[in-house]
Amino acid sequence: MRKLVLTFGLLLLVACRRGSPKLEGHWKGVRADGVDPTAQNPASAFAQNTEIIAQGDKIAIQTPNGRSPTTLYVVDKEDPTTVVIHTEKDGTTETFTFNEKGDVMTWRIDTSRAIVFKKIP
């Protein structure tokens, strides 16, 4: 019986776990990709002044326009290089891809545009 309770508790803990270890941390924008060449400079300036902070199942985004309130997110899909989430605030999905080391992240804004981030240690 004790083993059954322990197993059930462990399964419950795993089922309730939200958040992504890949996304965890403080990310600073490096550049914008896929934008019209005439908009590259302002888009990259916007990207360089954008930060993402993810802790557990909470995420906040700071842009030149201000900081979003910290909100809960849920992982919809995760594989070795990609994390797809949605926030409980608005329900839209966001896709993040990672390099092999996990220190560079790309946030897909749409099918052609993205912001590249570097993890701040």
N, C-alpha and C. Protein backbone atom coordinates (compact mmCIF):
# COMPACT_ATOMS: atom_id res chain seq x y z
N MET A 1 0.83 -1.19 0.00
CA MET A 1 0.00 0.00 0.00
C MET A 1 0.88 1.26 0.00
N ARG A 2 1.93 1.25 0.80
CA ARG A 2 2.82 2.40 0.88
C ARG A 2 3.47 2.68 -0.48
N LYS A 3 3.86 1.62 -1.16
CA LYS A 3 4.46 1.76 -2.48
C LYS A 3 3.46 2.36 -3.47
N LEU A 4 2.21 1.96 -3.40
CA LEU A 4 1.16 2.47 -4.27
C LEU A 4 0.94 3.96 -4.02
N VAL A 5 0.89 4.36 -2.76
CA VAL A 5 0.70 5.77 -2.42
C VAL A 5 1.88 6.60 -2.91
N LEU A 6 3.10 6.09 -2.74
CA LEU A 6 4.29 6.79 -3.20
C LEU A 6 4.29 6.93 -4.71
N THR A 7 3.94 5.88 -5.42
CA THR A 7 3.87 5.92 -6.88
C THR A 7 2.81 6.91 -7.34
N PHE A 8 1.64 6.89 -6.72
CA PHE A 8 0.57 7.82 -7.07
C PHE A 8 1.01 9.26 -6.81
N GLY A 9 1.67 9.51 -5.70
CA GLY A 9 2.16 10.85 -5.37
C GLY A 9 3.16 11.34 -6.39
N LEU A 10 4.05 10.47 -6.82
CA LEU A 10 5.05 10.82 -7.82
C LEU A 10 4.38 11.14 -9.16
N LEU A 11 3.41 10.32 -9.56
CA LEU A 11 2.69 10.58 -10.80
C LEU A 11 1.93 11.89 -10.73
N LEU A 12 1.33 12.18 -9.60
CA LEU A 12 0.60 13.43 -9.42
C LEU A 12 1.55 14.62 -9.53
N LEU A 13 2.72 14.51 -8.94
CA LEU A 13 3.71 15.58 -9.00
C LEU A 13 4.15 15.82 -10.43
N VAL A 14 4.41 14.78 -11.18
CA VAL A 14 4.83 14.91 -12.58
C VAL A 14 3.69 15.50 -13.41
N ALA A 15 2.46 15.05 -13.18
CA ALA A 15 1.31 15.54 -13.94
C ALA A 15 1.06 17.02 -13.67
N CYS A 16 1.32 17.48 -12.47
CA CYS A 16 1.06 18.87 -12.11
C CYS A 16 2.22 19.80 -12.50
N ARG A 17 3.36 19.22 -12.84
CA ARG A 17 4.53 20.04 -13.17
C ARG A 17 4.26 20.83 -14.44
N ARG A 18 4.48 22.09 -14.34
CA ARG A 18 4.36 22.94 -15.52
C ARG A 18 5.66 23.70 -15.65
N GLY A 19 5.85 24.25 -16.81
CA GLY A 19 7.07 24.97 -17.07
C GLY A 19 8.05 24.12 -17.84
N SER A 20 9.06 24.77 -18.38
CA SER A 20 10.06 24.06 -19.17
C SER A 20 11.45 24.41 -18.67
N PRO A 21 12.26 23.40 -18.35
CA PRO A 21 13.65 23.68 -17.97
C PRO A 21 14.43 24.39 -19.07
N LYS A 22 14.09 24.14 -20.33
CA LYS A 22 14.79 24.80 -21.44
C LYS A 22 14.52 26.30 -21.44
N LEU A 23 13.29 26.68 -21.14
CA LEU A 23 12.88 28.09 -21.17
C LEU A 23 13.29 28.84 -19.91
N GLU A 24 13.53 28.09 -18.85
CA GLU A 24 13.88 28.67 -17.55
C GLU A 24 15.07 29.62 -17.64
N GLY A 25 14.94 30.79 -17.04
CA GLY A 25 16.06 31.71 -16.95
C GLY A 25 15.75 33.09 -17.49
N HIS A 26 16.82 33.86 -17.68
CA HIS A 26 16.74 35.24 -18.14
C HIS A 26 17.35 35.30 -19.53
N TRP A 27 16.57 35.76 -20.49
CA TRP A 27 16.98 35.80 -21.89
C TRP A 27 16.99 37.24 -22.38
N LYS A 28 18.04 37.62 -23.10
CA LYS A 28 18.20 38.98 -23.63
C LYS A 28 18.20 38.91 -25.16
N GLY A 29 17.38 39.77 -25.78
CA GLY A 29 17.30 39.80 -27.24
C GLY A 29 18.61 40.21 -27.88
N VAL A 30 18.91 39.57 -29.01
CA VAL A 30 20.14 39.84 -29.76
C VAL A 30 19.84 40.52 -31.09
N ARG A 31 18.83 39.98 -31.81
CA ARG A 31 18.51 40.54 -33.13
C ARG A 31 17.13 40.05 -33.58
N ALA A 32 16.62 40.73 -34.58
CA ALA A 32 15.38 40.32 -35.24
C ALA A 32 15.76 39.63 -36.54
N ASP A 33 15.07 38.56 -36.86
CA ASP A 33 15.29 37.83 -38.11
C ASP A 33 14.01 37.84 -38.94
N GLY A 34 14.18 37.84 -40.27
CA GLY A 34 13.06 37.68 -41.17
C GLY A 34 12.23 38.93 -41.41
N VAL A 35 12.74 40.08 -41.01
CA VAL A 35 11.99 41.32 -41.24
C VAL A 35 12.41 41.95 -42.56
N ASP A 36 11.58 42.84 -43.07
CA ASP A 36 11.89 43.57 -44.28
C ASP A 36 13.21 44.33 -44.08
N PRO A 37 14.11 44.31 -45.06
CA PRO A 37 15.41 44.98 -44.90
C PRO A 37 15.29 46.45 -44.50
N THR A 38 14.24 47.12 -44.95
CA THR A 38 14.08 48.53 -44.58
C THR A 38 13.70 48.70 -43.11
N ALA A 39 13.23 47.63 -42.48
CA ALA A 39 12.85 47.69 -41.07
C ALA A 39 13.85 46.98 -40.16
N GLN A 40 14.96 46.50 -40.73
CA GLN A 40 15.90 45.70 -39.95
C GLN A 40 16.48 46.46 -38.76
N ASN A 41 16.93 47.69 -38.95
CA ASN A 41 17.54 48.43 -37.84
C ASN A 41 16.56 48.67 -36.69
N PRO A 42 15.35 49.21 -36.94
CA PRO A 42 14.44 49.38 -35.82
C PRO A 42 13.98 48.05 -35.21
N ALA A 43 13.83 47.02 -36.03
CA ALA A 43 13.41 45.72 -35.50
C ALA A 43 14.50 45.13 -34.61
N SER A 44 15.75 45.25 -35.03
CA SER A 44 16.84 44.73 -34.20
C SER A 44 17.00 45.55 -32.92
N ALA A 45 16.78 46.86 -33.01
CA ALA A 45 16.84 47.70 -31.79
C ALA A 45 15.75 47.27 -30.81
N PHE A 46 14.56 46.98 -31.34
CA PHE A 46 13.47 46.49 -30.49
C PHE A 46 13.87 45.16 -29.86
N ALA A 47 14.42 44.25 -30.68
CA ALA A 47 14.83 42.93 -30.18
C ALA A 47 15.89 43.05 -29.09
N GLN A 48 16.87 43.92 -29.30
CA GLN A 48 17.96 44.07 -28.33
C GLN A 48 17.50 44.66 -27.00
N ASN A 49 16.34 45.27 -27.01
CA ASN A 49 15.78 45.83 -25.78
C ASN A 49 14.61 45.01 -25.27
N THR A 50 14.57 43.74 -25.67
CA THR A 50 13.54 42.82 -25.22
C THR A 50 14.19 41.73 -24.37
N GLU A 51 13.54 41.40 -23.27
CA GLU A 51 14.02 40.34 -22.38
C GLU A 51 12.86 39.44 -21.99
N ILE A 52 13.17 38.19 -21.79
CA ILE A 52 12.20 37.20 -21.30
C ILE A 52 12.75 36.61 -20.01
N ILE A 53 11.91 36.57 -19.01
CA ILE A 53 12.29 35.94 -17.74
C ILE A 53 11.27 34.85 -17.47
N ALA A 54 11.75 33.61 -17.38
CA ALA A 54 10.88 32.46 -17.11
C ALA A 54 11.38 31.75 -15.85
N GLN A 55 10.47 31.56 -14.91
CA GLN A 55 10.78 30.85 -13.68
C GLN A 55 9.65 29.87 -13.40
N GLY A 56 9.99 28.59 -13.39
CA GLY A 56 8.95 27.58 -13.19
C GLY A 56 7.93 27.68 -14.30
N ASP A 57 6.66 27.90 -13.93
CA ASP A 57 5.61 28.02 -14.92
C ASP A 57 5.15 29.47 -15.10
N LYS A 58 6.04 30.41 -14.78
CA LYS A 58 5.72 31.83 -14.90
C LYS A 58 6.66 32.48 -15.91
N ILE A 59 6.11 33.42 -16.67
CA ILE A 59 6.91 34.10 -17.69
C ILE A 59 6.53 35.58 -17.71
N ALA A 60 7.54 36.43 -17.93
CA ALA A 60 7.33 37.87 -18.11
C ALA A 60 8.19 38.32 -19.27
N ILE A 61 7.67 39.27 -20.04
CA ILE A 61 8.40 39.79 -21.19
C ILE A 61 8.53 41.30 -21.04
N GLN A 62 9.76 41.75 -21.15
CA GLN A 62 10.07 43.18 -21.08
C GLN A 62 10.44 43.64 -22.49
N THR A 63 9.71 44.61 -23.03
CA THR A 63 10.02 45.20 -24.33
C THR A 63 10.29 46.68 -24.13
N PRO A 64 10.72 47.38 -25.17
CA PRO A 64 10.88 48.82 -25.03
C PRO A 64 9.56 49.52 -24.64
N ASN A 65 8.45 48.87 -24.89
CA ASN A 65 7.14 49.44 -24.56
C ASN A 65 6.74 49.19 -23.11
N GLY A 66 7.50 48.40 -22.37
CA GLY A 66 7.19 48.11 -20.98
C GLY A 66 7.23 46.63 -20.68
N ARG A 67 6.97 46.31 -19.44
CA ARG A 67 7.01 44.92 -19.00
C ARG A 67 5.60 44.37 -18.87
N SER A 68 5.42 43.17 -19.41
CA SER A 68 4.13 42.51 -19.26
C SER A 68 4.04 41.97 -17.84
N PRO A 69 2.82 41.87 -17.32
CA PRO A 69 2.71 41.24 -16.00
C PRO A 69 3.17 39.78 -16.09
N THR A 70 3.75 39.30 -15.02
CA THR A 70 4.13 37.88 -14.98
C THR A 70 2.85 37.06 -15.09
N THR A 71 2.89 36.07 -15.96
CA THR A 71 1.71 35.23 -16.17
C THR A 71 2.10 33.76 -16.17
N LEU A 72 1.15 32.90 -15.90
CA LEU A 72 1.39 31.46 -15.95
C LEU A 72 1.40 30.99 -17.39
N TYR A 73 2.24 29.99 -17.67
CA TYR A 73 2.21 29.37 -18.99
C TYR A 73 2.17 27.86 -18.84
N VAL A 74 1.71 27.22 -19.90
CA VAL A 74 1.58 25.77 -19.95
C VAL A 74 2.35 25.28 -21.17
N VAL A 75 3.12 24.22 -21.00
CA VAL A 75 3.85 23.62 -22.12
C VAL A 75 2.89 22.74 -22.91
N ASP A 76 2.73 23.06 -24.18
CA ASP A 76 1.89 22.26 -25.07
C ASP A 76 2.67 21.15 -25.74
N LYS A 77 3.95 21.44 -26.03
CA LYS A 77 4.81 20.45 -26.70
C LYS A 77 6.25 20.77 -26.34
N GLU A 78 7.04 19.74 -26.12
CA GLU A 78 8.45 19.95 -25.87
C GLU A 78 9.23 18.77 -26.44
N ASP A 79 10.27 19.09 -27.20
CA ASP A 79 11.18 18.07 -27.69
C ASP A 79 12.60 18.60 -27.50
N PRO A 80 13.63 17.91 -27.95
CA PRO A 80 14.99 18.35 -27.65
C PRO A 80 15.34 19.78 -28.10
N THR A 81 14.69 20.30 -29.15
CA THR A 81 15.05 21.63 -29.63
C THR A 81 13.92 22.65 -29.62
N THR A 82 12.71 22.24 -29.28
CA THR A 82 11.56 23.14 -29.39
C THR A 82 10.67 23.06 -28.16
N VAL A 83 10.15 24.22 -27.77
CA VAL A 83 9.14 24.30 -26.71
C VAL A 83 8.00 25.15 -27.25
N VAL A 84 6.79 24.61 -27.19
CA VAL A 84 5.59 25.35 -27.58
C VAL A 84 4.76 25.54 -26.31
N ILE A 85 4.41 26.79 -26.04
CA ILE A 85 3.66 27.10 -24.82
C ILE A 85 2.41 27.91 -25.17
N HIS A 86 1.52 28.01 -24.21
CA HIS A 86 0.47 29.03 -24.26
C HIS A 86 0.35 29.62 -22.87
N THR A 87 0.00 30.90 -22.83
CA THR A 87 -0.16 31.54 -21.54
C THR A 87 -1.62 31.43 -21.12
N GLU A 88 -1.82 31.37 -19.83
CA GLU A 88 -3.18 31.30 -19.34
C GLU A 88 -3.89 32.64 -19.49
N LYS A 89 -3.11 33.71 -19.72
CA LYS A 89 -3.69 35.05 -19.87
C LYS A 89 -4.47 35.17 -21.17
N ASP A 90 -3.83 34.80 -22.29
CA ASP A 90 -4.50 34.99 -23.58
C ASP A 90 -4.66 33.72 -24.41
N GLY A 91 -4.02 32.64 -24.03
CA GLY A 91 -4.21 31.36 -24.70
C GLY A 91 -3.51 31.20 -26.03
N THR A 92 -2.82 32.23 -26.52
CA THR A 92 -2.12 32.09 -27.80
C THR A 92 -0.87 31.23 -27.62
N THR A 93 -0.52 30.50 -28.65
CA THR A 93 0.66 29.65 -28.56
C THR A 93 1.89 30.42 -29.03
N GLU A 94 3.01 30.10 -28.41
CA GLU A 94 4.30 30.69 -28.74
C GLU A 94 5.29 29.55 -28.92
N THR A 95 6.16 29.66 -29.93
CA THR A 95 7.13 28.62 -30.22
C THR A 95 8.54 29.15 -30.02
N PHE A 96 9.33 28.41 -29.25
CA PHE A 96 10.72 28.74 -28.97
C PHE A 96 11.58 27.58 -29.42
N THR A 97 12.65 27.87 -30.17
CA THR A 97 13.60 26.82 -30.55
C THR A 97 14.95 27.16 -29.92
N PHE A 98 15.75 26.13 -29.67
CA PHE A 98 17.00 26.26 -28.93
C PHE A 98 18.14 25.62 -29.70
N ASN A 99 19.34 26.18 -29.52
CA ASN A 99 20.52 25.54 -30.09
C ASN A 99 20.90 24.34 -29.21
N GLU A 100 21.90 23.58 -29.64
CA GLU A 100 22.30 22.37 -28.90
C GLU A 100 22.75 22.66 -27.47
N LYS A 101 23.45 23.76 -27.26
CA LYS A 101 23.93 24.10 -25.92
C LYS A 101 22.83 24.66 -25.02
N GLY A 102 21.74 25.11 -25.63
CA GLY A 102 20.64 25.66 -24.85
C GLY A 102 20.86 27.09 -24.40
N ASP A 103 21.85 27.78 -25.00
CA ASP A 103 22.11 29.15 -24.59
C ASP A 103 21.66 30.20 -25.61
N VAL A 104 21.13 29.74 -26.74
CA VAL A 104 20.55 30.63 -27.74
C VAL A 104 19.13 30.12 -28.03
N MET A 105 18.18 31.06 -28.00
CA MET A 105 16.78 30.71 -28.19
C MET A 105 16.20 31.62 -29.27
N THR A 106 15.35 31.06 -30.11
CA THR A 106 14.65 31.84 -31.13
C THR A 106 13.16 31.78 -30.83
N TRP A 107 12.55 32.95 -30.73
CA TRP A 107 11.10 33.05 -30.50
C TRP A 107 10.46 33.34 -31.84
N ARG A 108 9.70 32.40 -32.35
CA ARG A 108 9.01 32.54 -33.62
C ARG A 108 7.80 33.46 -33.44
N ILE A 109 7.87 34.64 -34.02
CA ILE A 109 6.76 35.59 -33.94
C ILE A 109 5.65 35.18 -34.90
N ASP A 110 6.03 34.78 -36.10
CA ASP A 110 5.10 34.21 -37.07
C ASP A 110 5.92 33.32 -38.00
N THR A 111 5.39 32.95 -39.14
CA THR A 111 6.09 31.99 -40.00
C THR A 111 7.39 32.52 -40.58
N SER A 112 7.55 33.85 -40.65
CA SER A 112 8.78 34.37 -41.24
C SER A 112 9.63 35.21 -40.28
N ARG A 113 9.03 35.76 -39.23
CA ARG A 113 9.76 36.65 -38.34
C ARG A 113 10.06 35.99 -36.99
N ALA A 114 11.22 36.39 -36.41
CA ALA A 114 11.63 35.82 -35.13
C ALA A 114 12.53 36.80 -34.40
N ILE A 115 12.65 36.58 -33.10
CA ILE A 115 13.63 37.30 -32.29
C ILE A 115 14.58 36.26 -31.70
N VAL A 116 15.87 36.52 -31.84
CA VAL A 116 16.90 35.62 -31.32
C VAL A 116 17.35 36.17 -29.96
N PHE A 117 17.45 35.27 -28.98
CA PHE A 117 17.84 35.63 -27.61
C PHE A 117 19.08 34.87 -27.20
N LYS A 118 19.82 35.45 -26.28
CA LYS A 118 20.98 34.81 -25.66
C LYS A 118 20.66 34.68 -24.17
N LYS A 119 20.95 33.54 -23.57
CA LYS A 119 20.70 33.34 -22.16
C LYS A 119 21.73 34.11 -21.33
N ILE A 120 21.22 34.82 -20.34
CA ILE A 120 22.10 35.56 -19.43
C ILE A 120 22.41 34.64 -18.26
N PRO A 121 23.71 34.37 -18.02
CA PRO A 121 24.06 33.45 -16.93
C PRO A 121 23.70 34.00 -15.55
